[in-house]
């Protein structure tokens, strides 16, 4: 798994300070966010309709496409907002491949994986290592009912304060392949 790095400095090389400021109103408001290779894609409702936005982030300067009128002549706020959304919340972007947790090699990749993997899937993998939900609950210091409620919320994309730490615990146990009797 490789997530391409994008920084605000890279965006500032392509967009004016005013465009970056105006883009902040659109951060996180994109639909259909996905990553195809080094291209970020998303759609957003703008002042004059719905715009398809693309950023190719492995080039310098960043290449962009947007359906808005401004993009015909300069880097637009929608393109900047798509970039900022990726910088601050990369996990809202769907990858063109399923991440392999054994190939995680950076903090950004770990963060993306933890935010996108479902707790239910990690628990199923743990069951394959002979670790039960009851054993995990005991290890975490929470009841089975609490753990199952968190799993249910995660399936509905509701985030609990313990969700990410539990996912990291599961990943640790899977990496160590610990087996409990």
N, C-alpha and C. Protein backbone atom coordinates (compact mmCIF):
# COMPACT_ATOMS: atom_id res chain seq x y z
N UNK A 1 0.85 -1.18 0.00
CA UNK A 1 0.00 0.00 0.00
C UNK A 1 0.89 1.23 0.00
N UNK A 2 0.62 2.15 -0.90
CA UNK A 2 1.35 3.40 -0.89
C UNK A 2 0.39 4.55 -1.04
N UNK A 3 0.36 5.42 -0.03
CA UNK A 3 -0.40 6.66 -0.13
C UNK A 3 0.58 7.74 -0.55
N UNK A 4 0.22 8.49 -1.55
CA UNK A 4 1.08 9.57 -1.98
C UNK A 4 1.01 10.71 -0.97
N UNK A 5 2.12 11.33 -0.72
CA UNK A 5 2.20 12.42 0.24
C UNK A 5 1.76 13.71 -0.46
N UNK A 6 0.96 14.50 0.24
CA UNK A 6 0.56 15.82 -0.23
C UNK A 6 0.65 16.75 0.96
N UNK A 7 1.23 17.93 0.74
CA UNK A 7 1.36 18.91 1.82
C UNK A 7 0.69 20.22 1.44
N UNK A 8 0.43 21.03 2.46
CA UNK A 8 -0.14 22.36 2.19
C UNK A 8 0.84 23.19 1.37
N UNK A 9 2.13 23.00 1.57
CA UNK A 9 3.12 23.76 0.79
C UNK A 9 2.99 23.44 -0.70
N UNK A 10 2.75 22.16 -1.02
CA UNK A 10 2.55 21.80 -2.43
C UNK A 10 1.31 22.51 -2.99
N UNK A 11 0.25 22.57 -2.20
CA UNK A 11 -0.96 23.28 -2.65
C UNK A 11 -0.68 24.77 -2.83
N UNK A 12 0.08 25.35 -1.90
CA UNK A 12 0.40 26.78 -2.00
C UNK A 12 1.24 27.09 -3.24
N UNK A 13 2.00 26.11 -3.73
CA UNK A 13 2.76 26.31 -4.97
C UNK A 13 1.84 26.41 -6.18
N UNK A 14 0.62 25.87 -6.06
CA UNK A 14 -0.32 25.89 -7.18
C UNK A 14 -1.44 26.90 -7.01
N UNK A 15 -1.78 27.22 -5.76
CA UNK A 15 -2.93 28.09 -5.49
C UNK A 15 -2.51 29.31 -4.67
N UNK A 16 -3.27 30.37 -4.83
CA UNK A 16 -3.00 31.58 -4.06
C UNK A 16 -3.48 31.39 -2.61
N UNK A 17 -3.03 32.26 -1.74
CA UNK A 17 -3.46 32.22 -0.35
C UNK A 17 -4.97 32.40 -0.25
N UNK A 18 -5.52 33.28 -1.06
CA UNK A 18 -6.97 33.52 -1.05
C UNK A 18 -7.73 32.25 -1.47
N UNK A 19 -7.25 31.56 -2.48
CA UNK A 19 -7.90 30.32 -2.92
C UNK A 19 -7.86 29.28 -1.81
N UNK A 20 -6.72 29.16 -1.14
CA UNK A 20 -6.60 28.20 -0.03
C UNK A 20 -7.59 28.56 1.08
N UNK A 21 -7.71 29.85 1.40
CA UNK A 21 -8.65 30.27 2.44
C UNK A 21 -10.09 29.96 2.04
N UNK A 22 -10.43 30.23 0.79
CA UNK A 22 -11.79 29.96 0.32
C UNK A 22 -12.06 28.45 0.27
N UNK A 23 -11.02 27.68 0.04
CA UNK A 23 -11.16 26.22 -0.04
C UNK A 23 -11.52 25.62 1.31
N UNK A 24 -11.11 26.26 2.39
CA UNK A 24 -11.36 25.71 3.73
C UNK A 24 -12.85 25.49 3.99
N UNK A 25 -13.72 26.25 3.36
CA UNK A 25 -15.18 26.07 3.52
C UNK A 25 -15.67 24.77 2.91
N UNK A 26 -14.87 24.18 2.04
CA UNK A 26 -15.30 22.97 1.32
C UNK A 26 -14.64 21.68 1.84
N UNK A 27 -13.73 21.80 2.80
CA UNK A 27 -13.02 20.62 3.31
C UNK A 27 -14.03 19.63 3.90
N UNK A 28 -13.92 18.39 3.48
CA UNK A 28 -14.78 17.34 4.02
C UNK A 28 -16.18 17.31 3.45
N UNK A 29 -16.48 18.13 2.46
CA UNK A 29 -17.83 18.17 1.90
C UNK A 29 -17.93 17.46 0.55
N UNK A 30 -16.90 16.69 0.22
CA UNK A 30 -16.88 15.98 -1.05
C UNK A 30 -17.64 14.66 -0.97
N UNK A 31 -18.14 14.24 -2.11
CA UNK A 31 -18.76 12.93 -2.27
C UNK A 31 -17.91 12.11 -3.22
N UNK A 32 -18.09 10.80 -3.16
CA UNK A 32 -17.42 9.89 -4.09
C UNK A 32 -15.92 10.11 -4.15
N UNK A 33 -15.29 10.30 -3.01
CA UNK A 33 -13.84 10.50 -2.97
C UNK A 33 -13.14 9.17 -3.21
N UNK A 34 -12.18 9.21 -4.11
CA UNK A 34 -11.40 8.00 -4.36
C UNK A 34 -10.01 8.35 -4.83
N UNK A 35 -9.13 7.37 -4.72
CA UNK A 35 -7.75 7.51 -5.17
C UNK A 35 -7.51 6.47 -6.25
N UNK A 36 -7.08 6.92 -7.40
CA UNK A 36 -6.73 6.02 -8.50
C UNK A 36 -5.29 6.31 -8.87
N UNK A 37 -4.40 5.46 -8.39
CA UNK A 37 -2.97 5.71 -8.60
C UNK A 37 -2.57 6.94 -7.81
N UNK A 38 -2.13 7.98 -8.51
CA UNK A 38 -1.75 9.23 -7.84
C UNK A 38 -2.79 10.32 -8.06
N UNK A 39 -3.97 9.93 -8.52
CA UNK A 39 -5.03 10.91 -8.82
C UNK A 39 -6.12 10.85 -7.76
N UNK A 40 -6.39 12.00 -7.14
CA UNK A 40 -7.50 12.13 -6.20
C UNK A 40 -8.72 12.57 -6.99
N UNK A 41 -9.87 11.98 -6.69
CA UNK A 41 -11.11 12.34 -7.38
C UNK A 41 -12.21 12.55 -6.36
N UNK A 42 -13.10 13.49 -6.65
CA UNK A 42 -14.25 13.72 -5.79
C UNK A 42 -15.23 14.63 -6.49
N UNK A 43 -16.46 14.63 -5.98
CA UNK A 43 -17.47 15.55 -6.50
C UNK A 43 -17.94 16.43 -5.35
N UNK A 44 -18.28 17.66 -5.70
CA UNK A 44 -18.72 18.61 -4.67
C UNK A 44 -19.78 19.53 -5.25
N UNK A 45 -20.70 19.92 -4.39
CA UNK A 45 -21.74 20.87 -4.80
C UNK A 45 -21.16 22.27 -4.63
N UNK A 46 -21.06 22.99 -5.73
CA UNK A 46 -20.55 24.35 -5.71
C UNK A 46 -21.69 25.34 -5.87
N UNK A 47 -21.32 26.59 -6.06
CA UNK A 47 -22.32 27.66 -6.20
C UNK A 47 -23.16 27.53 -7.46
N UNK A 48 -22.64 26.87 -8.49
CA UNK A 48 -23.34 26.79 -9.76
C UNK A 48 -23.50 25.35 -10.25
N UNK A 49 -23.60 24.42 -9.32
CA UNK A 49 -23.81 23.04 -9.71
C UNK A 49 -22.87 22.08 -9.01
N UNK A 50 -22.89 20.86 -9.50
CA UNK A 50 -22.01 19.83 -8.95
C UNK A 50 -20.78 19.73 -9.84
N UNK A 51 -19.61 19.75 -9.20
CA UNK A 51 -18.35 19.75 -9.93
C UNK A 51 -17.59 18.45 -9.69
N UNK A 52 -17.04 17.91 -10.75
CA UNK A 52 -16.11 16.78 -10.66
C UNK A 52 -14.71 17.39 -10.56
N UNK A 53 -13.96 16.95 -9.56
CA UNK A 53 -12.65 17.53 -9.30
C UNK A 53 -11.61 16.41 -9.28
N UNK A 54 -10.45 16.68 -9.88
CA UNK A 54 -9.33 15.73 -9.88
C UNK A 54 -8.04 16.46 -9.57
N UNK A 55 -7.17 15.80 -8.82
CA UNK A 55 -5.82 16.30 -8.56
C UNK A 55 -4.83 15.19 -8.81
N UNK A 56 -3.84 15.47 -9.63
CA UNK A 56 -2.74 14.51 -9.83
C UNK A 56 -1.61 15.00 -8.93
N UNK A 57 -1.38 14.26 -7.83
CA UNK A 57 -0.53 14.79 -6.77
C UNK A 57 0.93 14.32 -6.82
N UNK A 58 1.31 13.59 -7.85
CA UNK A 58 2.72 13.19 -7.95
C UNK A 58 3.46 14.05 -8.96
N UNK A 59 2.89 15.20 -9.30
CA UNK A 59 3.53 16.12 -10.24
C UNK A 59 3.82 17.44 -9.52
N UNK A 60 4.75 18.19 -10.06
CA UNK A 60 5.06 19.51 -9.51
C UNK A 60 5.16 20.49 -10.67
N UNK A 61 4.24 21.42 -10.79
CA UNK A 61 3.12 21.68 -9.90
C UNK A 61 2.02 20.62 -10.04
N UNK A 62 1.13 20.62 -9.07
CA UNK A 62 0.01 19.68 -9.06
C UNK A 62 -0.87 19.93 -10.28
N UNK A 63 -1.23 18.86 -10.97
CA UNK A 63 -2.16 18.99 -12.10
C UNK A 63 -3.58 18.85 -11.57
N UNK A 64 -4.51 19.59 -12.14
CA UNK A 64 -5.88 19.60 -11.64
C UNK A 64 -6.89 19.66 -12.76
N UNK A 65 -8.09 19.22 -12.45
CA UNK A 65 -9.25 19.37 -13.34
C UNK A 65 -10.44 19.66 -12.46
N UNK A 66 -11.29 20.56 -12.88
CA UNK A 66 -12.54 20.85 -12.19
C UNK A 66 -13.52 21.38 -13.23
N UNK A 67 -14.79 21.08 -13.02
CA UNK A 67 -15.82 21.52 -13.95
C UNK A 67 -16.21 22.99 -13.79
N UNK A 68 -15.69 23.67 -12.76
CA UNK A 68 -16.09 25.07 -12.53
C UNK A 68 -15.41 26.00 -13.54
N UNK A 69 -15.95 27.19 -13.67
CA UNK A 69 -15.42 28.18 -14.63
C UNK A 69 -14.01 28.65 -14.26
N UNK A 70 -13.75 28.81 -12.97
CA UNK A 70 -12.44 29.30 -12.53
C UNK A 70 -11.31 28.37 -12.97
N UNK A 71 -11.57 27.06 -12.95
CA UNK A 71 -10.53 26.08 -13.27
C UNK A 71 -10.07 26.16 -14.73
N UNK A 72 -10.83 26.85 -15.56
CA UNK A 72 -10.42 27.00 -16.96
C UNK A 72 -9.18 27.88 -17.07
N UNK A 73 -8.97 28.76 -16.08
CA UNK A 73 -7.85 29.69 -16.16
C UNK A 73 -6.87 29.59 -15.00
N UNK A 74 -7.31 29.04 -13.86
CA UNK A 74 -6.41 28.96 -12.71
C UNK A 74 -6.85 27.87 -11.74
N UNK A 75 -5.97 27.58 -10.80
CA UNK A 75 -6.25 26.59 -9.76
C UNK A 75 -7.43 27.09 -8.94
N UNK A 76 -8.46 26.28 -8.79
CA UNK A 76 -9.70 26.74 -8.14
C UNK A 76 -9.79 26.28 -6.70
N UNK A 77 -10.74 26.86 -5.98
CA UNK A 77 -10.94 26.51 -4.56
C UNK A 77 -11.39 25.06 -4.39
N UNK A 78 -12.09 24.52 -5.39
CA UNK A 78 -12.55 23.12 -5.29
C UNK A 78 -11.37 22.15 -5.34
N UNK A 79 -10.43 22.45 -6.24
CA UNK A 79 -9.23 21.61 -6.34
C UNK A 79 -8.41 21.71 -5.06
N UNK A 80 -8.28 22.93 -4.54
CA UNK A 80 -7.55 23.12 -3.28
C UNK A 80 -8.25 22.39 -2.13
N UNK A 81 -9.58 22.45 -2.11
CA UNK A 81 -10.34 21.79 -1.05
C UNK A 81 -10.20 20.27 -1.12
N UNK A 82 -10.16 19.73 -2.32
CA UNK A 82 -9.97 18.28 -2.46
C UNK A 82 -8.60 17.90 -1.89
N UNK A 83 -7.58 18.70 -2.19
CA UNK A 83 -6.25 18.46 -1.65
C UNK A 83 -6.22 18.57 -0.14
N UNK A 84 -6.86 19.58 0.42
CA UNK A 84 -6.90 19.76 1.87
C UNK A 84 -7.68 18.63 2.54
N UNK A 85 -8.75 18.17 1.90
CA UNK A 85 -9.51 17.05 2.44
C UNK A 85 -8.62 15.81 2.52
N UNK A 86 -7.81 15.59 1.49
CA UNK A 86 -6.88 14.45 1.49
C UNK A 86 -5.82 14.61 2.57
N UNK A 87 -5.32 15.81 2.76
CA UNK A 87 -4.28 16.04 3.77
C UNK A 87 -4.83 15.76 5.17
N UNK A 88 -6.02 16.25 5.46
CA UNK A 88 -6.56 16.16 6.82
C UNK A 88 -7.36 14.89 7.09
N UNK A 89 -8.00 14.32 6.08
CA UNK A 89 -8.82 13.12 6.29
C UNK A 89 -8.67 12.15 5.12
N UNK A 90 -7.47 11.59 4.93
CA UNK A 90 -7.25 10.71 3.77
C UNK A 90 -8.13 9.47 3.79
N UNK A 91 -8.62 9.08 4.95
CA UNK A 91 -9.43 7.86 5.04
C UNK A 91 -10.79 8.00 4.40
N UNK A 92 -11.22 9.22 4.02
CA UNK A 92 -12.51 9.34 3.33
C UNK A 92 -12.39 8.97 1.85
N UNK A 93 -11.16 8.78 1.39
CA UNK A 93 -10.90 8.42 0.00
C UNK A 93 -10.86 6.91 -0.14
N UNK A 94 -11.64 6.41 -1.07
CA UNK A 94 -11.65 4.98 -1.37
C UNK A 94 -10.46 4.67 -2.26
N UNK A 95 -9.72 3.65 -1.91
CA UNK A 95 -8.58 3.24 -2.73
C UNK A 95 -9.02 2.35 -3.87
N UNK A 96 -8.22 2.29 -4.93
CA UNK A 96 -8.52 1.41 -6.05
C UNK A 96 -8.08 -0.02 -5.78
N UNK A 97 -7.57 -0.28 -4.57
CA UNK A 97 -7.18 -1.63 -4.15
C UNK A 97 -7.38 -1.75 -2.64
N UNK A 98 -7.50 -2.95 -2.17
CA UNK A 98 -7.67 -3.18 -0.74
C UNK A 98 -6.31 -3.14 -0.06
N UNK A 99 -6.14 -2.30 0.97
CA UNK A 99 -4.85 -2.21 1.64
C UNK A 99 -4.47 -3.53 2.33
N UNK A 100 -3.22 -3.86 2.28
CA UNK A 100 -2.69 -5.05 2.95
C UNK A 100 -1.97 -4.59 4.21
N UNK A 101 -2.49 -4.96 5.37
CA UNK A 101 -1.93 -4.46 6.62
C UNK A 101 -0.47 -4.89 6.81
N UNK A 102 -0.06 -5.95 6.16
CA UNK A 102 1.33 -6.40 6.33
C UNK A 102 2.31 -5.54 5.54
N UNK A 103 1.79 -4.67 4.69
CA UNK A 103 2.66 -3.83 3.86
C UNK A 103 2.66 -2.37 4.31
N UNK A 104 2.07 -2.08 5.46
CA UNK A 104 2.03 -0.70 5.96
C UNK A 104 3.45 -0.27 6.30
N UNK A 105 3.87 0.89 5.76
CA UNK A 105 5.25 1.31 5.96
C UNK A 105 5.41 2.76 6.41
N UNK A 106 4.30 3.44 6.69
CA UNK A 106 4.40 4.82 7.17
C UNK A 106 3.25 5.13 8.12
N UNK A 107 3.41 6.20 8.87
CA UNK A 107 2.36 6.62 9.80
C UNK A 107 1.08 6.92 9.04
N UNK A 108 1.19 7.58 7.89
CA UNK A 108 0.00 7.94 7.11
C UNK A 108 -0.75 6.69 6.65
N UNK A 109 -0.01 5.68 6.23
CA UNK A 109 -0.64 4.43 5.80
C UNK A 109 -1.31 3.73 6.98
N UNK A 110 -0.66 3.75 8.13
CA UNK A 110 -1.25 3.15 9.33
C UNK A 110 -2.54 3.89 9.70
N UNK A 111 -2.48 5.20 9.68
CA UNK A 111 -3.66 6.00 10.02
C UNK A 111 -4.80 5.72 9.04
N UNK A 112 -4.47 5.66 7.76
CA UNK A 112 -5.49 5.36 6.75
C UNK A 112 -6.10 3.99 7.01
N UNK A 113 -5.26 3.02 7.25
CA UNK A 113 -5.74 1.65 7.45
C UNK A 113 -6.65 1.57 8.68
N UNK A 114 -6.22 2.15 9.79
CA UNK A 114 -7.02 2.10 11.02
C UNK A 114 -8.37 2.78 10.82
N UNK A 115 -8.41 3.86 10.07
CA UNK A 115 -9.67 4.58 9.86
C UNK A 115 -10.58 3.88 8.86
N UNK A 116 -10.05 3.00 8.04
CA UNK A 116 -10.89 2.38 7.00
C UNK A 116 -11.21 0.91 7.25
N UNK A 117 -10.34 0.19 7.96
CA UNK A 117 -10.62 -1.22 8.20
C UNK A 117 -11.78 -1.33 9.18
N UNK A 118 -12.60 -2.32 8.99
CA UNK A 118 -13.73 -2.55 9.89
C UNK A 118 -13.27 -3.44 11.05
N UNK A 119 -13.68 -3.08 12.24
CA UNK A 119 -13.35 -3.84 13.43
C UNK A 119 -13.84 -5.28 13.32
N UNK A 120 -15.00 -5.44 12.71
CA UNK A 120 -15.55 -6.79 12.52
C UNK A 120 -14.57 -7.68 11.73
N UNK A 121 -13.95 -7.12 10.70
CA UNK A 121 -12.99 -7.89 9.89
C UNK A 121 -11.76 -8.29 10.72
N UNK A 122 -11.29 -7.36 11.56
CA UNK A 122 -10.14 -7.69 12.41
C UNK A 122 -10.50 -8.78 13.42
N UNK A 123 -11.72 -8.72 13.96
CA UNK A 123 -12.14 -9.75 14.91
C UNK A 123 -12.25 -11.12 14.24
N UNK A 124 -12.70 -11.13 12.99
CA UNK A 124 -12.77 -12.40 12.26
C UNK A 124 -11.37 -12.97 12.04
N UNK A 125 -10.41 -12.09 11.73
CA UNK A 125 -9.03 -12.54 11.58
C UNK A 125 -8.48 -13.08 12.90
N UNK A 126 -8.84 -12.42 14.00
CA UNK A 126 -8.40 -12.89 15.32
C UNK A 126 -8.97 -14.26 15.65
N UNK A 127 -10.23 -14.47 15.27
CA UNK A 127 -10.84 -15.79 15.51
C UNK A 127 -10.03 -16.88 14.81
N UNK A 128 -9.50 -16.55 13.63
CA UNK A 128 -8.66 -17.51 12.91
C UNK A 128 -7.37 -17.82 13.65
N UNK A 129 -6.96 -16.93 14.56
CA UNK A 129 -5.77 -17.16 15.39
C UNK A 129 -6.15 -17.72 16.75
N UNK A 130 -7.40 -18.14 16.86
CA UNK A 130 -7.90 -18.74 18.12
C UNK A 130 -8.01 -17.73 19.26
N UNK A 131 -8.27 -16.47 18.95
CA UNK A 131 -8.51 -15.46 19.98
C UNK A 131 -9.98 -15.09 19.90
N UNK A 132 -10.69 -15.31 20.98
CA UNK A 132 -12.13 -15.08 20.99
C UNK A 132 -12.45 -13.63 21.37
N UNK A 133 -13.68 -13.25 21.12
CA UNK A 133 -14.16 -11.92 21.50
C UNK A 133 -14.08 -11.78 23.03
N UNK A 134 -14.41 -12.84 23.75
CA UNK A 134 -14.35 -12.80 25.21
C UNK A 134 -12.91 -12.57 25.69
N UNK A 135 -11.94 -13.23 25.06
CA UNK A 135 -10.54 -13.05 25.45
C UNK A 135 -10.08 -11.63 25.14
N UNK A 136 -10.46 -11.12 23.98
CA UNK A 136 -10.08 -9.75 23.62
C UNK A 136 -10.71 -8.76 24.60
N UNK A 137 -11.97 -8.96 24.93
CA UNK A 137 -12.65 -8.08 25.88
C UNK A 137 -11.92 -8.06 27.21
N UNK A 138 -11.53 -9.24 27.69
CA UNK A 138 -10.82 -9.33 28.96
C UNK A 138 -9.48 -8.58 28.87
N UNK A 139 -8.78 -8.77 27.78
CA UNK A 139 -7.50 -8.10 27.58
C UNK A 139 -7.66 -6.58 27.55
N UNK A 140 -8.74 -6.10 26.93
CA UNK A 140 -8.99 -4.66 26.81
C UNK A 140 -9.57 -4.05 28.08
N UNK A 141 -10.13 -4.90 28.96
CA UNK A 141 -10.72 -4.38 30.18
C UNK A 141 -12.12 -3.82 29.98
N UNK A 142 -12.82 -4.33 28.97
CA UNK A 142 -14.21 -3.93 28.74
C UNK A 142 -15.06 -5.18 28.62
N UNK A 143 -16.36 -5.02 28.76
CA UNK A 143 -17.24 -6.18 28.67
C UNK A 143 -17.43 -6.60 27.22
N UNK A 144 -17.85 -7.84 27.04
CA UNK A 144 -18.15 -8.34 25.70
C UNK A 144 -19.25 -7.49 25.08
N UNK A 145 -20.24 -7.10 25.87
CA UNK A 145 -21.34 -6.28 25.37
C UNK A 145 -20.83 -4.92 24.88
N UNK A 146 -19.91 -4.32 25.62
CA UNK A 146 -19.33 -3.04 25.19
C UNK A 146 -18.58 -3.20 23.87
N UNK A 147 -17.79 -4.26 23.78
CA UNK A 147 -17.02 -4.50 22.57
C UNK A 147 -17.95 -4.71 21.37
N UNK A 148 -19.00 -5.51 21.55
CA UNK A 148 -19.93 -5.77 20.45
C UNK A 148 -20.70 -4.51 20.06
N UNK A 149 -20.99 -3.64 21.02
CA UNK A 149 -21.65 -2.37 20.70
C UNK A 149 -20.72 -1.48 19.86
N UNK A 150 -19.43 -1.49 20.20
CA UNK A 150 -18.45 -0.70 19.43
C UNK A 150 -18.31 -1.26 18.02
N UNK A 151 -18.31 -2.58 17.89
CA UNK A 151 -18.24 -3.23 16.57
C UNK A 151 -19.46 -2.84 15.74
N UNK A 152 -20.62 -2.87 16.35
CA UNK A 152 -21.87 -2.51 15.65
C UNK A 152 -21.82 -1.06 15.19
N UNK A 153 -21.37 -0.16 16.07
CA UNK A 153 -21.26 1.25 15.69
C UNK A 153 -20.27 1.44 14.54
N UNK A 154 -19.15 0.70 14.59
CA UNK A 154 -18.14 0.81 13.54
C UNK A 154 -18.72 0.36 12.19
N UNK A 155 -19.55 -0.66 12.20
CA UNK A 155 -20.18 -1.13 10.96
C UNK A 155 -21.08 -0.04 10.37
N UNK A 156 -21.65 0.82 11.24
CA UNK A 156 -22.53 1.91 10.80
C UNK A 156 -21.77 3.21 10.62
N UNK A 157 -20.44 3.13 10.63
CA UNK A 157 -19.57 4.31 10.50
C UNK A 157 -19.75 5.33 11.61
N UNK A 158 -20.17 4.85 12.79
CA UNK A 158 -20.22 5.70 13.98
C UNK A 158 -18.92 5.45 14.73
N UNK A 159 -18.25 6.52 15.08
CA UNK A 159 -16.93 6.39 15.70
C UNK A 159 -17.02 6.51 17.21
N UNK A 160 -16.50 5.53 17.92
CA UNK A 160 -16.42 5.52 19.37
C UNK A 160 -14.99 5.87 19.75
N UNK A 161 -14.81 6.48 20.88
CA UNK A 161 -13.46 6.87 21.31
C UNK A 161 -12.51 5.68 21.43
N UNK A 162 -13.03 4.49 21.66
CA UNK A 162 -12.18 3.30 21.80
C UNK A 162 -11.97 2.54 20.48
N UNK A 163 -12.65 2.92 19.42
CA UNK A 163 -12.58 2.16 18.18
C UNK A 163 -11.15 2.01 17.66
N UNK A 164 -10.45 3.11 17.49
CA UNK A 164 -9.10 3.04 16.94
C UNK A 164 -8.12 2.31 17.86
N UNK A 165 -8.14 2.56 19.17
CA UNK A 165 -7.24 1.77 20.04
C UNK A 165 -7.54 0.27 19.98
N UNK A 166 -8.80 -0.10 19.87
CA UNK A 166 -9.14 -1.52 19.77
C UNK A 166 -8.61 -2.09 18.46
N UNK A 167 -8.77 -1.35 17.38
CA UNK A 167 -8.25 -1.81 16.09
C UNK A 167 -6.74 -2.00 16.15
N UNK A 168 -6.05 -1.05 16.77
CA UNK A 168 -4.59 -1.17 16.90
C UNK A 168 -4.22 -2.38 17.75
N UNK A 169 -4.99 -2.64 18.80
CA UNK A 169 -4.75 -3.83 19.63
C UNK A 169 -4.92 -5.10 18.81
N UNK A 170 -5.97 -5.14 18.01
CA UNK A 170 -6.20 -6.31 17.15
C UNK A 170 -5.05 -6.49 16.17
N UNK A 171 -4.60 -5.39 15.58
CA UNK A 171 -3.50 -5.47 14.62
C UNK A 171 -2.23 -5.99 15.30
N UNK A 172 -1.99 -5.55 16.51
CA UNK A 172 -0.82 -6.02 17.25
C UNK A 172 -0.91 -7.53 17.48
N UNK A 173 -2.06 -7.97 17.95
CA UNK A 173 -2.24 -9.41 18.21
C UNK A 173 -2.09 -10.22 16.92
N UNK A 174 -2.62 -9.69 15.82
CA UNK A 174 -2.50 -10.40 14.55
C UNK A 174 -1.05 -10.44 14.08
N UNK A 175 -0.35 -9.34 14.27
CA UNK A 175 1.06 -9.32 13.87
C UNK A 175 1.89 -10.32 14.68
N UNK A 176 1.61 -10.41 15.96
CA UNK A 176 2.35 -11.30 16.84
C UNK A 176 1.86 -12.74 16.72
N UNK A 177 0.67 -12.90 16.11
CA UNK A 177 0.06 -14.22 15.95
C UNK A 177 -0.01 -14.97 17.29
N UNK A 178 -0.37 -14.20 18.32
CA UNK A 178 -0.50 -14.80 19.65
C UNK A 178 -1.70 -15.74 19.66
N UNK A 179 -1.54 -16.85 20.28
CA UNK A 179 -2.64 -17.79 20.42
C UNK A 179 -2.86 -18.05 21.90
N UNK A 180 -4.10 -17.86 22.31
CA UNK A 180 -4.46 -18.08 23.71
C UNK A 180 -5.17 -19.41 23.85
N UNK A 181 -4.92 -20.05 24.94
CA UNK A 181 -5.58 -21.34 25.22
C UNK A 181 -6.69 -21.11 26.21
